[in-house]
Protein backbone atom coordinates (compact mmCIF):
# COMPACT_ATOMS: atom_id res chain seq x y z
CA MET A 1 -17.19 69.27 33.24
CA ALA A 2 -16.95 69.47 37.00
CA VAL A 3 -14.37 71.13 39.20
CA ILE A 4 -12.94 68.51 41.55
CA LEU A 5 -10.61 69.13 44.48
CA VAL A 6 -8.12 66.29 45.00
CA VAL A 7 -6.65 66.24 48.52
CA ASP A 8 -3.77 63.88 49.24
CA ASP A 9 -0.40 64.34 50.92
CA LEU A 10 1.29 61.92 48.51
CA GLU A 11 2.19 64.02 45.48
CA LYS A 12 2.55 61.06 43.11
CA LEU A 13 -0.89 59.68 43.94
CA ARG A 14 -2.44 63.15 43.87
CA SER A 15 -0.96 63.69 40.39
CA VAL A 16 -2.32 60.37 39.13
CA VAL A 17 -5.83 61.13 40.43
CA VAL A 18 -5.71 64.61 38.89
CA ALA A 19 -4.60 63.12 35.53
CA ILE A 20 -7.42 60.55 35.62
CA LEU A 21 -10.02 63.22 36.32
CA VAL A 22 -8.66 65.55 33.63
CA SER A 23 -8.66 62.69 31.09
CA ALA A 24 -12.34 62.15 31.98
CA GLY A 25 -13.10 65.78 31.09
CA HIS A 26 -13.04 67.40 34.51
CA GLN A 27 -10.99 70.22 35.95
CA ALA A 28 -8.96 68.94 38.92
CA ILE A 29 -7.33 71.10 41.57
CA PRO A 30 -4.63 69.50 43.77
CA ALA A 31 -4.20 70.12 47.51
CA GLY A 32 -1.61 68.58 49.83
CA ASP A 33 -3.75 68.39 52.99
CA GLY A 34 -7.01 69.50 54.57
CA LYS A 35 -5.65 72.89 55.54
CA GLU A 36 -4.75 73.71 51.93
CA ALA A 37 -8.10 72.30 50.80
CA LEU A 38 -10.03 74.68 53.08
CA LYS A 39 -8.09 77.61 51.65
CA ILE A 40 -8.94 76.55 48.09
CA LEU A 41 -12.60 75.98 48.98
CA ALA A 42 -12.79 79.54 50.36
CA GLU A 43 -11.43 80.96 47.10
CA ARG A 44 -12.80 78.74 44.32
CA HIS A 45 -15.94 77.00 43.21
CA VAL A 46 -15.60 73.22 43.67
CA ASP A 47 -18.27 70.69 42.72
CA LEU A 48 -16.83 67.60 44.43
CA LEU A 49 -13.96 66.57 46.73
CA VAL A 50 -11.79 63.47 46.62
CA THR A 51 -9.84 63.33 49.88
CA ASP A 52 -7.36 61.01 51.48
CA ILE A 53 -8.03 60.39 55.15
CA LEU A 54 -4.63 60.03 56.83
CA MET A 55 -2.55 63.18 56.22
CA PRO A 56 -0.37 65.51 58.30
CA GLU A 57 -1.51 69.04 59.21
CA LYS A 58 -5.29 68.55 58.79
CA ASP A 59 -6.40 65.07 57.82
CA GLY A 60 -9.30 64.12 55.61
CA ALA A 61 -11.54 63.02 58.47
CA ASP A 62 -11.22 66.44 60.13
CA LEU A 63 -11.78 68.14 56.77
CA ILE A 64 -14.97 66.17 56.12
CA VAL A 65 -16.37 66.78 59.60
CA GLU A 66 -15.58 70.51 59.44
CA LEU A 67 -17.28 70.87 56.06
CA ARG A 68 -20.37 68.95 57.17
CA GLU A 69 -20.60 70.98 60.41
CA ARG A 70 -20.55 74.14 58.28
CA GLY A 71 -23.51 72.78 56.33
CA ASP A 72 -21.44 72.05 53.22
CA ARG A 73 -23.27 69.30 51.35
CA ARG A 74 -21.13 69.04 48.23
CA PRO A 75 -20.29 65.40 47.38
CA ILE A 76 -17.18 63.90 48.99
CA ILE A 77 -15.28 60.74 48.12
CA ALA A 78 -13.04 59.52 50.97
CA VAL A 79 -10.05 57.34 50.08
CA SER A 80 -7.52 55.53 52.24
CA ALA A 81 -5.08 52.66 52.35
CA GLY A 82 -4.71 52.89 56.09
CA GLY A 83 -1.42 53.92 57.60
CA GLU A 84 1.04 53.31 60.38
CA GLY A 85 -0.87 51.19 62.88
CA VAL A 86 -4.22 51.99 61.21
CA THR A 87 -6.03 49.58 58.88
CA ARG A 88 -8.03 50.73 55.85
CA GLY A 89 -11.21 49.79 57.64
CA GLU A 90 -10.27 51.82 60.71
CA ALA A 91 -9.25 54.81 58.58
CA LEU A 92 -12.52 54.73 56.65
CA PHE A 93 -14.86 53.96 59.57
CA MET A 94 -15.77 57.59 60.36
CA PRO A 95 -15.70 58.84 56.75
CA GLU A 96 -18.24 56.16 55.80
CA LYS A 97 -20.74 58.07 57.97
CA PHE A 98 -20.02 61.54 56.52
CA ALA A 99 -18.64 61.05 53.01
CA ASP A 100 -20.86 60.15 50.06
CA LYS A 101 -18.58 57.40 48.75
CA VAL A 102 -15.57 55.53 50.09
CA LEU A 103 -12.80 53.98 48.01
CA GLU A 104 -10.02 51.81 49.38
CA LYS A 105 -6.56 52.44 47.95
CA PRO A 106 -5.46 51.18 45.57
CA PHE A 107 -8.53 51.84 43.47
CA SER A 108 -8.88 51.57 39.71
CA ARG A 109 -9.42 54.38 37.25
CA ASP A 110 -12.85 52.93 36.50
CA ALA A 111 -13.83 52.81 40.18
CA LEU A 112 -12.86 56.47 40.61
CA ILE A 113 -14.67 57.65 37.47
CA THR A 114 -17.78 55.61 38.35
CA ALA A 115 -17.88 57.13 41.86
CA VAL A 116 -17.35 60.66 40.54
CA ASP A 117 -19.96 60.29 37.79
CA SER A 118 -22.58 58.80 40.10
CA LEU A 119 -22.18 61.61 42.65
CA LEU A 120 -22.19 64.34 40.01
CA ASN A 121 -25.29 62.88 38.37
CA LYS A 122 -26.97 62.56 41.77
CA SER A 123 -26.19 66.16 42.76
CA SER A 124 -27.42 67.57 39.44
CA SER A 125 -30.78 65.80 39.61
């Protein structure tokens, strides 16, 4: 069982991702944006992050860059559907360079679990 931080400003989607991860045997911690995620990361052990990119307050791109600049190498899955005036490809362009995996929304349960499992197996070897 891994501890996974799920960062997304859309509560419904965040809840679905948390439920999928819990059903796969993981512990999932929800966060509404990058600012809340940093607070959780300072207080709790987290094995992997799943983060949306376009969010208010502190977006996922800023979160990923800040973590990598701090030397944080835990696995990160970046997800996005794009947003107002921003395509999925544009939203995921930078995260593709810094995140370990990228998933375009909407993604399937199987795609999420496969990405999580592959990163967890990679980091434990």
